Amino acid sequence: MTQRLETAYLFAYFAGETDEDGEQVRFAVSNDLTFKSWTELNSGLPSLRSTVGERGARDPFLIRDTARDVFVVIATDLRVWPDEDWKRAIEHGSRAIVVWESPDLVHWSESRLATIAPENAGNAWAPKAFWSESSKTWTVIWASALYPDGVRCAFEYQRLLMSTTTDFVTFTPAEMYFDAGHDVIDAMFLSDGDATYRFSANSHEIDGAPSKHVFMERGTSIFDPHFTPLTFDIGKDWIEFGEGPAAGRLLDRDGWFLLIDESNRRGYRLFESTDLASGEWTPIEDAILPANARHGSLLAITAEERDRLLAAPVA
């Protein structure tokens, strides 16, 4: 098999809930490998628009499904513009996610819904998918508020649930992935050697109040029931608030990147590490991310894929 040479990043994101077009999927490609220069695709307008469910798409997660030779975007089925009724979104929101597929990152299917959360869930937020080579399946992990007694109340906290799929059409029944007794959302993973590192927006108590930053833990796999805390509040001295972690390997040198969404403030902030086991992350203050980019994901792409994206006509 020919090895894929990845020379750029494709960024999928949404732009917030302050205008009618914000809660749709946008793309940008990196101009180099330094996170300092990006080209917004489709003139900065949404490349993917949800026409199903709540007709909004937040928290897009972009994957390369090599088993089927397609690209997939999954996203939260949620639109809070213009009233920003978060109580409704938590208690009586969508239990589905929005799905798109593409053979080439340019031509995409129509949006469709896939119901993944159980009937007693109030919402299904921030879905992410992780491939298991041993089982040849994708594990989708998302956050839901659960109401087992049927009484809906906005203070119910977010648990992490999971399901598996091979085609993003049929999913196994939802199972509990992690219940911390308080809000945990936005789970993201990095693996290095025998260790797997979990990043999440975990509202554990710190200094007598819920944390508002990204939490890092270490385990042996994404299914390890006993992750060990490693770094409690990444970037706390540099950012006011942090959620929506997006992480991966650096393409131009040894090391790792971590993007944290300083939601409704400065947008995404970049951190780098040369040693995941240390739990130490250095802020890169001269990094420049696409304007208004909110909770999204990055995919490493080839030069050919980047050229194809840049050559695509504006929709």
C-alpha atoms as a PDB file:
ATOM      1  CA  MET A   1       0.000   0.000   0.000  1.00  0.00           C
ATOM      2  CA  THR A   2       1.313   3.470  -0.901  1.00  0.00           C
ATOM      3  CA  GLN A   3       1.976   5.603   2.166  1.00  0.00           C
ATOM      4  CA  ARG A   4       0.032   8.858   2.235  1.00  0.00           C
ATOM      5  CA  LEU A   5       2.220  11.970   2.534  1.00  0.00           C
ATOM      6  CA  GLU A   6       0.297  14.575   4.525  1.00  0.00           C
ATOM      7  CA  THR A   7       1.502  18.124   4.025  1.00  0.00           C
ATOM      8  CA  ALA A   8      -1.335  20.342   5.280  1.00  0.00           C
ATOM      9  CA  TYR A   9      -4.286  20.534   7.667  1.00  0.00           C
ATOM     10  CA  LEU A  10      -7.970  20.803   6.825  1.00  0.00           C
ATOM     11  CA  PHE A  11      -9.928  22.568   9.551  1.00  0.00           C
ATOM     12  CA  ALA A  12     -13.682  21.985   9.953  1.00  0.00           C
ATOM     13  CA  TYR A  13     -15.488  24.343  12.316  1.00  0.00           C
ATOM     14  CA  PHE A  14     -18.581  26.435  12.916  1.00  0.00           C
ATOM     15  CA  ALA A  15     -18.704  30.149  13.622  1.00  0.00           C
ATOM     16  CA  GLY A  16     -20.953  30.526  16.673  1.00  0.00           C
ATOM     17  CA  GLU A  17     -24.550  31.441  17.262  1.00  0.00           C
ATOM     18  CA  THR A  18     -24.482  35.215  16.861  1.00  0.00           C
ATOM     19  CA  ASP A  19     -25.826  35.242  13.299  1.00  0.00           C
ATOM     20  CA  GLU A  20     -28.099  33.183  11.074  1.00  0.00           C
ATOM     21  CA  ASP A  21     -25.260  31.476   9.193  1.00  0.00           C
ATOM     22  CA  GLY A  22     -22.968  30.751  12.131  1.00  0.00           C
ATOM     23  CA  GLU A  23     -24.134  27.245  13.028  1.00  0.00           C
ATOM     24  CA  GLN A  24     -23.094  25.577   9.776  1.00  0.00           C
ATOM     25  CA  VAL A  25     -19.866  23.828   8.760  1.00  0.00           C
ATOM     26  CA  ARG A  26     -16.983  25.852   7.348  1.00  0.00           C
ATOM     27  CA  PHE A  27     -13.605  24.663   6.062  1.00  0.00           C
ATOM     28  CA  ALA A  28     -10.144  26.211   5.929  1.00  0.00           C
ATOM     29  CA  VAL A  29      -6.815  24.786   4.751  1.00  0.00           C
ATOM     30  CA  SER A  30      -3.428  25.624   6.184  1.00  0.00           C
ATOM     31  CA  ASN A  31      -1.013  27.476   3.922  1.00  0.00           C
ATOM     32  CA  ASP A  32       1.939  25.806   5.631  1.00  0.00           C
ATOM     33  CA  LEU A  33       2.486  23.653   8.705  1.00  0.00           C
ATOM     34  CA  THR A  34       2.927  26.394  11.305  1.00  0.00           C
ATOM     35  CA  PHE A  35      -0.719  27.226  12.166  1.00  0.00           C
ATOM     36  CA  LYS A  36       0.052  30.850  11.240  1.00  0.00           C
ATOM     37  CA  SER A  37      -1.701  31.141   7.889  1.00  0.00           C
ATOM     38  CA  TRP A  38      -4.985  29.709   6.575  1.00  0.00           C
ATOM     39  CA  THR A  39      -7.150  29.989   3.490  1.00  0.00           C
ATOM     40  CA  GLU A  40     -10.862  29.911   4.222  1.00  0.00           C
ATOM     41  CA  LEU A  41     -12.687  27.842   1.631  1.00  0.00           C
ATOM     42  CA  ASN A  42     -15.874  28.925  -0.143  1.00  0.00           C
ATOM     43  CA  SER A  43     -14.979  32.568   0.567  1.00  0.00           C
ATOM     44  CA  GLY A  44     -15.487  31.940   4.286  1.00  0.00           C
ATOM     45  CA  LEU A  45     -19.123  30.904   3.803  1.00  0.00           C
ATOM     46  CA  PRO A  46     -20.470  27.557   5.000  1.00  0.00           C
ATOM     47  CA  SER A  47     -19.417  24.622   2.844  1.00  0.00           C
ATOM     48  CA  LEU A  48     -21.938  22.270   4.459  1.00  0.00           C
ATOM     49  CA  ARG A  49     -25.428  23.341   5.506  1.00  0.00           C
ATOM     50  CA  SER A  50     -27.766  21.177   7.517  1.00  0.00           C
ATOM     51  CA  THR A  51     -31.240  20.905   6.005  1.00  0.00           C
ATOM     52  CA  VAL A  52     -32.442  18.328   8.525  1.00  0.00           C
ATOM     53  CA  GLY A  53     -33.377  18.239  12.199  1.00  0.00           C
ATOM     54  CA  GLU A  54     -32.789  21.591  13.867  1.00  0.00           C
ATOM     55  CA  ARG A  55     -31.137  22.865  10.659  1.00  0.00           C
ATOM     56  CA  GLY A  56     -27.949  23.746  12.443  1.00  0.00           C
ATOM     57  CA  ALA A  57     -24.611  21.950  12.695  1.00  0.00           C
ATOM     58  CA  ARG A  58     -22.163  22.624  15.496  1.00  0.00           C
ATOM     59  CA  ASP A  59     -18.948  20.919  16.665  1.00  0.00           C
ATOM     60  CA  PRO A  60     -18.075  19.266  13.307  1.00  0.00           C
ATOM     61  CA  PHE A  61     -15.740  16.277  13.519  1.00  0.00           C
ATOM     62  CA  LEU A  62     -13.992  15.310  10.293  1.00  0.00           C
ATOM     63  CA  ILE A  63     -12.577  11.820   9.704  1.00  0.00           C
ATOM     64  CA  ARG A  64     -10.948   9.820   6.925  1.00  0.00           C
ATOM     65  CA  ASP A  65     -12.735   6.449   6.753  1.00  0.00           C
ATOM     66  CA  THR A  66     -10.137   4.383   4.920  1.00  0.00           C
ATOM     67  CA  ALA A  67     -12.192   1.191   5.291  1.00  0.00           C
ATOM     68  CA  ARG A  68     -14.825   2.640   2.946  1.00  0.00           C
ATOM     69  CA  ASP A  69     -12.567   5.167   1.174  1.00  0.00           C
ATOM     70  CA  VAL A  70     -14.724   8.151   2.128  1.00  0.00           C
ATOM     71  CA  PHE A  71     -14.520  11.221   4.310  1.00  0.00           C
ATOM     72  CA  VAL A  72     -17.181  11.765   6.971  1.00  0.00           C
ATOM     73  CA  VAL A  73     -18.301  14.818   8.926  1.00  0.00           C
ATOM     74  CA  ILE A  74     -20.456  14.297  11.999  1.00  0.00           C
ATOM     75  CA  ALA A  75     -21.852  17.267  13.917  1.00  0.00           C
ATOM     76  CA  THR A  76     -24.205  18.289  16.696  1.00  0.00           C
ATOM     77  CA  ASP A  77     -27.765  18.715  15.442  1.00  0.00           C
ATOM     78  CA  LEU A  78     -28.395  22.045  17.148  1.00  0.00           C
ATOM     79  CA  ARG A  79     -29.314  25.583  16.269  1.00  0.00           C
ATOM     80  CA  VAL A  80     -29.718  28.113  19.076  1.00  0.00           C
ATOM     81  CA  TRP A  81     -29.797  31.238  16.904  1.00  0.00           C
ATOM     82  CA  PRO A  82     -31.519  33.629  17.429  1.00  0.00           C
ATOM     83  CA  ASP A  83     -32.930  33.119  20.944  1.00  0.00           C
ATOM     84  CA  GLU A  84     -30.047  31.061  22.448  1.00  0.00           C
ATOM     85  CA  ASP A  85     -32.495  28.944  24.433  1.00  0.00           C
ATOM     86  CA  TRP A  86     -29.987  26.590  26.048  1.00  0.00           C
ATOM     87  CA  LYS A  87     -32.591  25.278  28.497  1.00  0.00           C
ATOM     88  CA  ARG A  88     -34.620  23.932  25.581  1.00  0.00           C
ATOM     89  CA  ALA A  89     -31.486  22.596  23.905  1.00  0.00           C
ATOM     90  CA  ILE A  90     -30.512  20.569  26.988  1.00  0.00           C
ATOM     91  CA  GLU A  91     -33.951  19.344  28.046  1.00  0.00           C
ATOM     92  CA  HIS A  92     -35.670  18.824  24.691  1.00  0.00           C
ATOM     93  CA  GLY A  93     -32.907  18.989  22.106  1.00  0.00           C
ATOM     94  CA  SER A  94     -32.098  16.573  19.314  1.00  0.00           C
ATOM     95  CA  ARG A  95     -31.013  13.005  20.064  1.00  0.00           C
ATOM     96  CA  ALA A  96     -29.485  12.750  16.608  1.00  0.00           C
ATOM     97  CA  ILE A  97     -26.282  13.874  14.936  1.00  0.00           C
ATOM     98  CA  VAL A  98     -25.877  15.295  11.435  1.00  0.00           C
ATOM     99  CA  VAL A  99     -23.831  13.260   8.942  1.00  0.00           C
ATOM    100  CA  TRP A 100     -22.239  14.086   5.581  1.00  0.00           C
ATOM    101  CA  GLU A 101     -19.999  11.890   3.411  1.00  0.00           C
ATOM    102  CA  SER A 102     -17.646  12.680   0.539  1.00  0.00           C
ATOM    103  CA  PRO A 103     -15.347  10.712  -1.772  1.00  0.00           C
ATOM    104  CA  ASP A 104     -12.955  13.648  -2.259  1.00  0.00           C
ATOM    105  CA  LEU A 105     -13.613  16.433   0.328  1.00  0.00           C
ATOM    106  CA  VAL A 106     -15.195  18.563  -2.415  1.00  0.00           C
ATOM    107  CA  HIS A 107     -18.409  16.771  -3.375  1.00  0.00           C
ATOM    108  CA  TRP A 108     -20.548  16.052  -0.324  1.00  0.00           C
ATOM    109  CA  SER A 109     -23.774  14.141   0.233  1.00  0.00           C
ATOM    110  CA  GLU A 110     -26.887  15.864   1.474  1.00  0.00           C
ATOM    111  CA  SER A 111     -27.081  16.163   5.245  1.00  0.00           C
ATOM    112  CA  ARG A 112     -28.841  13.339   7.058  1.00  0.00           C
ATOM    113  CA  LEU A 113     -29.693  12.513  10.654  1.00  0.00           C
ATOM    114  CA  ALA A 114     -28.563   9.525  12.681  1.00  0.00           C
ATOM    115  CA  THR A 115     -30.275   9.058  16.045  1.00  0.00           C
ATOM    116  CA  ILE A 116     -27.725   7.876  18.592  1.00  0.00           C
ATOM    117  CA  ALA A 117     -28.879   9.027  22.058  1.00  0.00           C
ATOM    118  CA  PRO A 118     -31.452   7.035  24.063  1.00  0.00           C
ATOM    119  CA  GLU A 119     -35.038   8.189  24.506  1.00  0.00           C
ATOM    120  CA  ASN A 120     -34.366   9.554  27.996  1.00  0.00           C
ATOM    121  CA  ALA A 121     -31.626  11.869  26.709  1.00  0.00           C
ATOM    122  CA  GLY A 122     -32.246  15.578  26.374  1.00  0.00           C
ATOM    123  CA  ASN A 123     -29.519  16.181  23.830  1.00  0.00           C
ATOM    124  CA  ALA A 124     -26.607  14.661  21.882  1.00  0.00           C
ATOM    125  CA  TRP A 125     -23.662  17.050  21.748  1.00  0.00           C
ATOM    126  CA  ALA A 126     -20.131  17.166  20.332  1.00  0.00           C
ATOM    127  CA  PRO A 127     -19.886  13.724  18.671  1.00  0.00           C
ATOM    128  CA  LYS A 128     -16.432  12.367  17.850  1.00  0.00           C
ATOM    129  CA  ALA A 129     -15.489   9.074  16.194  1.00  0.00           C
ATOM    130  CA  PHE A 130     -12.451   6.864  16.846  1.00  0.00           C
ATOM    131  CA  TRP A 131     -11.396   3.867  14.757  1.00  0.00           C
ATOM    132  CA  SER A 132     -10.629   0.448  16.229  1.00  0.00           C
ATOM    133  CA  GLU A 133      -8.408  -1.604  13.948  1.00  0.00           C
ATOM    134  CA  SER A 134      -9.083  -4.770  15.947  1.00  0.00           C
ATOM    135  CA  SER A 135     -12.884  -4.616  15.662  1.00  0.00           C
ATOM    136  CA  LYS A 136     -12.987  -2.694  12.366  1.00  0.00           C
ATOM    137  CA  THR A 137     -15.563  -0.316  13.844  1.00  0.00           C
ATOM    138  CA  TRP A 138     -15.881   3.335  14.739  1.00  0.00           C
ATOM    139  CA  THR A 139     -16.682   4.233  18.335  1.00  0.00           C
ATOM    140  CA  VAL A 140     -18.718   7.431  18.506  1.00  0.00           C
ATOM    141  CA  ILE A 141     -18.580   9.290  21.831  1.00  0.00           C
ATOM    142  CA  TRP A 142     -20.838  12.236  22.661  1.00  0.00           C
ATOM    143  CA  ALA A 143     -22.393  14.054  25.626  1.00  0.00           C
ATOM    144  CA  SER A 144     -25.998  13.787  26.803  1.00  0.00           C
ATOM    145  CA  ALA A 145     -28.071  14.942  29.748  1.00  0.00           C
ATOM    146  CA  LEU A 146     -30.141  11.965  30.903  1.00  0.00           C
ATOM    147  CA  TYR A 147     -33.584  12.042  32.524  1.00  0.00           C
ATOM    148  CA  PRO A 148     -34.361   8.499  33.710  1.00  0.00           C
ATOM    149  CA  ASP A 149     -37.516   9.502  35.605  1.00  0.00           C
ATOM    150  CA  GLY A 150     -38.915  11.486  32.687  1.00  0.00           C
ATOM    151  CA  VAL A 151     -38.757  14.837  34.482  1.00  0.00           C
ATOM    152  CA  ARG A 152     -36.790  17.335  32.390  1.00  0.00           C
ATOM    153  CA  CYS A 153     -34.752  19.898  34.303  1.00  0.00           C
ATOM    154  CA  ALA A 154     -31.953  22.019  32.865  1.00  0.00           C
ATOM    155  CA  PHE A 155     -29.497  21.365  35.692  1.00  0.00           C
ATOM    156  CA  GLU A 156     -29.005  17.713  34.692  1.00  0.00           C
ATOM    157  CA  TYR A 157     -25.316  17.264  33.952  1.00  0.00           C
ATOM    158  CA  GLN A 158     -23.738  15.925  30.765  1.00  0.00           C
ATOM    159  CA  ARG A 159     -22.480  12.327  30.704  1.00  0.00           C
ATOM    160  CA  LEU A 160     -20.389  10.782  27.953  1.00  0.00           C
ATOM    161  CA  LEU A 161     -22.173   8.043  26.001  1.00  0.00           C
ATOM    162  CA  MET A 162     -20.890   5.806  23.225  1.00  0.00           C
ATOM    163  CA  SER A 163     -22.029   3.673  20.319  1.00  0.00           C
ATOM    164  CA  THR A 164     -20.284   1.810  17.502  1.00  0.00           C
ATOM    165  CA  THR A 165     -20.836   1.854  13.756  1.00  0.00           C
ATOM    166  CA  THR A 166     -19.189   0.760  10.537  1.00  0.00           C
ATOM    167  CA  ASP A 167     -21.122   3.019   8.156  1.00  0.00           C
ATOM    168  CA  PHE A 168     -22.557   5.941  10.195  1.00  0.00           C
ATOM    169  CA  VAL A 169     -26.024   4.693   9.272  1.00  0.00           C
ATOM    170  CA  THR A 170     -26.550   1.837  11.714  1.00  0.00           C
ATOM    171  CA  PHE A 171     -25.405   2.307  15.314  1.00  0.00           C
ATOM    172  CA  THR A 172     -25.382  -0.032  18.305  1.00  0.00           C
ATOM    173  CA  PRO A 173     -27.574   1.018  21.262  1.00  0.00           C
ATOM    174  CA  ALA A 174     -26.055   3.777  23.358  1.00  0.00           C
ATOM    175  CA  GLU A 175     -23.964   2.758  26.357  1.00  0.00           C
ATOM    176  CA  MET A 176     -22.493   4.765  29.185  1.00  0.00           C
ATOM    177  CA  TYR A 177     -18.883   5.684  28.478  1.00  0.00           C
ATOM    178  CA  PHE A 178     -18.134   7.938  31.464  1.00  0.00           C
ATOM    179  CA  ASP A 179     -20.294   9.383  34.245  1.00  0.00           C
ATOM    180  CA  ALA A 180     -18.307  11.690  36.520  1.00  0.00           C
ATOM    181  CA  GLY A 181     -21.294  13.056  38.427  1.00  0.00           C
ATOM    182  CA  HIS A 182     -20.764  16.476  36.819  1.00  0.00           C
ATOM    183  CA  ASP A 183     -20.531  17.886  33.299  1.00  0.00           C
ATOM    184  CA  VAL A 184     -17.961  16.231  31.042  1.00  0.00           C
ATOM    185  CA  ILE A 185     -18.114  16.947  27.303  1.00  0.00           C
ATOM    186  CA  ASP A 186     -15.856  17.168  24.227  1.00  0.00           C
ATOM    187  CA  ALA A 187     -13.786  13.993  24.802  1.00  0.00           C
ATOM    188  CA  MET A 188     -10.739  13.791  22.504  1.00  0.00           C
ATOM    189  CA  PHE A 189      -7.918  11.212  22.464  1.00  0.00           C
ATOM    190  CA  LEU A 190      -4.264  10.938  21.491  1.00  0.00           C
ATOM    191  CA  SER A 191      -2.283   7.694  21.568  1.00  0.00           C
ATOM    192  CA  ASP A 192       1.479   7.422  21.920  1.00  0.00           C
ATOM    193  CA  GLY A 193       3.125   4.047  22.470  1.00  0.00           C
ATOM    194  CA  ASP A 194       1.232   2.133  25.132  1.00  0.00           C
ATOM    195  CA  ALA A 195      -0.512   5.215  26.509  1.00  0.00           C
ATOM    196  CA  THR A 196      -3.765   6.905  25.505  1.00  0.00           C
ATOM    197  CA  TYR A 197      -4.444  10.464  26.602  1.00  0.00           C
ATOM    198  CA  ARG A 198      -7.950  11.817  27.058  1.00  0.00           C
ATOM    199  CA  PHE A 199      -8.793  15.497  26.820  1.00  0.00           C
ATOM    200  CA  SER A 200     -12.183  16.834  27.851  1.00  0.00           C
ATOM    201  CA  ALA A 201     -14.063  19.849  29.094  1.00  0.00           C
ATOM    202  CA  ASN A 202     -14.425  18.417  32.594  1.00  0.00           C
ATOM    203  CA  SER A 203     -16.145  20.623  35.163  1.00  0.00           C
ATOM    204  CA  HIS A 204     -14.466  18.938  38.121  1.00  0.00           C
ATOM    205  CA  GLU A 205     -14.291  21.135  41.210  1.00  0.00           C
ATOM    206  CA  ILE A 206     -11.157  23.209  41.546  1.00  0.00           C
ATOM    207  CA  ASP A 207     -10.678  25.999  44.079  1.00  0.00           C
ATOM    208  CA  GLY A 208     -14.270  25.501  45.213  1.00  0.00           C
ATOM    209  CA  ALA A 209     -15.849  26.057  41.776  1.00  0.00           C
ATOM    210  CA  PRO A 210     -16.365  24.038  38.579  1.00  0.00           C
ATOM    211  CA  SER A 211     -13.393  24.075  36.241  1.00  0.00           C
ATOM    212  CA  LYS A 212     -13.766  26.005  32.998  1.00  0.00           C
ATOM    213  CA  HIS A 213     -10.745  24.546  31.252  1.00  0.00           C
ATOM    214  CA  VAL A 214      -9.569  21.421  29.435  1.00  0.00           C
ATOM    215  CA  PHE A 215      -8.618  18.401  31.546  1.00  0.00           C
ATOM    216  CA  MET A 216      -5.975  15.822  30.497  1.00  0.00           C
ATOM    217  CA  GLU A 217      -5.811  12.212  31.689  1.00  0.00           C
ATOM    218  CA  ARG A 218      -3.708   9.142  30.913  1.00  0.00           C
ATOM    219  CA  GLY A 219      -4.907   5.575  30.338  1.00  0.00           C
ATOM    220  CA  THR A 220      -4.107   2.457  28.354  1.00  0.00           C
ATOM    221  CA  SER A 221      -6.849   2.761  25.708  1.00  0.00           C
ATOM    222  CA  ILE A 222      -9.962   4.845  25.096  1.00  0.00           C
ATOM    223  CA  PHE A 223     -11.904   2.168  26.993  1.00  0.00           C
ATOM    224  CA  ASP A 224      -9.698   2.180  30.095  1.00  0.00           C
ATOM    225  CA  PRO A 225     -12.083   2.577  33.084  1.00  0.00           C
ATOM    226  CA  HIS A 226      -9.333   4.061  35.232  1.00  0.00           C
ATOM    227  CA  PHE A 227      -7.804   7.069  33.515  1.00  0.00           C
ATOM    228  CA  THR A 228      -5.346   8.944  35.751  1.00  0.00           C
ATOM    229  CA  PRO A 229      -5.494  12.761  35.928  1.00  0.00           C
ATOM    230  CA  LEU A 230      -2.385  14.346  34.414  1.00  0.00           C
ATOM    231  CA  THR A 231      -3.074  18.063  33.849  1.00  0.00           C
ATOM    232  CA  PHE A 232      -6.102  19.639  35.457  1.00  0.00           C
ATOM    233  CA  ASP A 233      -6.493  22.967  33.637  1.00  0.00           C
ATOM    234  CA  ILE A 234      -4.461  23.339  30.472  1.00  0.00           C
ATOM    235  CA  GLY A 235      -3.629  26.941  29.665  1.00  0.00           C
ATOM    236  CA  LYS A 236      -5.406  28.393  32.683  1.00  0.00           C
ATOM    237  CA  ASP A 237      -2.874  31.228  32.960  1.00  0.00           C
ATOM    238  CA  TRP A 238      -3.250  32.123  29.286  1.00  0.00           C
ATOM    239  CA  ILE A 239      -6.924  31.634  28.464  1.00  0.00           C
ATOM    240  CA  GLU A 240     -10.035  32.616  30.378  1.00  0.00           C
ATOM    241  CA  PHE A 241     -12.082  29.607  29.334  1.00  0.00           C
ATOM    242  CA  GLY A 242     -11.433  26.393  27.389  1.00  0.00           C
ATOM    243  CA  GLU A 243     -13.489  23.727  25.630  1.00  0.00           C
ATOM    244  CA  GLY A 244     -13.662  21.845  22.322  1.00  0.00           C
ATOM    245  CA  PRO A 245     -10.113  20.387  22.331  1.00  0.00           C
ATOM    246  CA  ALA A 246      -8.751  19.359  18.916  1.00  0.00           C
ATOM    247  CA  ALA A 247      -5.437  17.506  18.970  1.00  0.00           C
ATOM    248  CA  GLY A 248      -3.014  15.598  16.780  1.00  0.00           C
ATOM    249  CA  ARG A 249       0.573  15.086  15.680  1.00  0.00           C
ATOM    250  CA  LEU A 250       2.570  17.963  14.262  1.00  0.00           C
ATOM    251  CA  LEU A 251       3.396  17.347  10.613  1.00  0.00           C
ATOM    252  CA  ASP A 252       6.587  19.390  10.333  1.00  0.00           C
ATOM    253  CA  ARG A 253       8.487  18.042  13.355  1.00  0.00           C
ATOM    254  CA  ASP A 254       8.183  15.707  16.338  1.00  0.00           C
ATOM    255  CA  GLY A 255       5.522  16.817  18.761  1.00  0.00           C
ATOM    256  CA  TRP A 256       1.839  17.366  19.257  1.00  0.00           C
ATOM    257  CA  PHE A 257      -0.646  20.198  18.857  1.00  0.00           C
ATOM    258  CA  LEU A 258      -3.669  20.988  20.994  1.00  0.00           C
ATOM    259  CA  LEU A 259      -6.253  23.564  19.988  1.00  0.00           C
ATOM    260  CA  ILE A 260      -8.548  24.841  22.732  1.00  0.00           C
ATOM    261  CA  ASP A 261     -11.634  26.900  21.987  1.00  0.00           C
ATOM    262  CA  GLU A 262     -11.777  30.002  24.165  1.00  0.00           C
ATOM    263  CA  SER A 263     -15.460  30.134  23.319  1.00  0.00           C
ATOM    264  CA  ASN A 264     -17.006  33.562  22.567  1.00  0.00           C
ATOM    265  CA  ARG A 265     -13.742  35.227  23.498  1.00  0.00           C
ATOM    266  CA  ARG A 266     -10.633  34.953  21.296  1.00  0.00           C
ATOM    267  CA  GLY A 267     -11.599  31.729  19.523  1.00  0.00           C
ATOM    268  CA  TYR A 268      -9.166  28.847  19.149  1.00  0.00           C
ATOM    269  CA  ARG A 269      -5.793  29.039  20.933  1.00  0.00           C
ATOM    270  CA  LEU A 270      -2.852  26.792  20.051  1.00  0.00           C
ATOM    271  CA  PHE A 271      -0.670  24.764  22.427  1.00  0.00           C
ATOM    272  CA  GLU A 272       2.193  22.397  21.636  1.00  0.00           C
ATOM    273  CA  SER A 273       3.963  19.593  23.485  1.00  0.00           C
ATOM    274  CA  THR A 274       7.028  17.462  22.812  1.00  0.00           C
ATOM    275  CA  ASP A 275       6.188  14.965  25.567  1.00  0.00           C
ATOM    276  CA  LEU A 276       2.609  13.863  26.131  1.00  0.00           C
ATOM    277  CA  ALA A 277       3.548  11.947  29.277  1.00  0.00           C
ATOM    278  CA  SER A 278       4.634  15.193  30.929  1.00  0.00           C
ATOM    279  CA  GLY A 279       1.200  16.756  30.542  1.00  0.00           C
ATOM    280  CA  GLU A 280       2.927  20.055  29.772  1.00  0.00           C
ATOM    281  CA  TRP A 281       1.624  22.302  26.991  1.00  0.00           C
ATOM    282  CA  THR A 282       3.231  25.510  25.742  1.00  0.00           C
ATOM    283  CA  PRO A 283       1.041  28.281  24.354  1.00  0.00           C
ATOM    284  CA  ILE A 284       2.022  29.417  20.852  1.00  0.00           C
ATOM    285  CA  GLU A 285       1.128  33.065  20.996  1.00  0.00           C
ATOM    286  CA  ASP A 286       1.778  33.950  17.363  1.00  0.00           C
ATOM    287  CA  ALA A 287      -0.514  31.235  15.980  1.00  0.00           C
ATOM    288  CA  ILE A 288      -3.358  32.526  13.825  1.00  0.00           C
ATOM    289  CA  LEU A 289      -6.465  30.415  13.320  1.00  0.00           C
ATOM    290  CA  PRO A 290      -9.357  31.073  10.922  1.00  0.00           C
ATOM    291  CA  ALA A 291     -11.489  34.020  11.981  1.00  0.00           C
ATOM    292  CA  ASN A 292     -14.445  33.126  14.218  1.00  0.00           C
ATOM    293  CA  ALA A 293     -13.505  29.428  14.285  1.00  0.00           C
ATOM    294  CA  ARG A 294     -15.381  27.602  17.021  1.00  0.00           C
ATOM    295  CA  HIS A 295     -15.357  23.994  18.261  1.00  0.00           C
ATOM    296  CA  GLY A 296     -14.125  21.929  15.327  1.00  0.00           C
ATOM    297  CA  SER A 297     -11.510  19.419  14.225  1.00  0.00           C
ATOM    298  CA  LEU A 298      -8.437  19.055  12.030  1.00  0.00           C
ATOM    299  CA  LEU A 299      -7.561  16.423   9.461  1.00  0.00           C
ATOM    300  CA  ALA A 300      -4.112  15.936   7.968  1.00  0.00           C
ATOM    301  CA  ILE A 301      -4.377  16.043   4.154  1.00  0.00           C
ATOM    302  CA  THR A 302      -2.099  15.580   1.160  1.00  0.00           C
ATOM    303  CA  ALA A 303      -0.910  18.280  -1.233  1.00  0.00           C
ATOM    304  CA  GLU A 304      -3.201  16.829  -3.910  1.00  0.00           C
ATOM    305  CA  GLU A 305      -6.202  17.026  -1.579  1.00  0.00           C
ATOM    306  CA  ARG A 306      -5.319  20.603  -0.622  1.00  0.00           C
ATOM    307  CA  ASP A 307      -4.989  21.642  -4.278  1.00  0.00           C
ATOM    308  CA  ARG A 308      -8.339  20.036  -5.075  1.00  0.00           C
ATOM    309  CA  LEU A 309     -10.025  21.920  -2.243  1.00  0.00           C
ATOM    310  CA  LEU A 310      -8.512  25.249  -3.310  1.00  0.00           C
ATOM    311  CA  ALA A 311      -9.589  24.681  -6.910  1.00  0.00           C
ATOM    312  CA  ALA A 312     -13.202  23.920  -6.021  1.00  0.00           C
ATOM    313  CA  PRO A 313     -15.688  26.579  -7.176  1.00  0.00           C
ATOM    314  CA  VAL A 314     -17.394  28.795  -4.623  1.00  0.00           C
ATOM    315  CA  ALA A 315     -20.841  27.435  -3.895  1.00  0.00           C
END
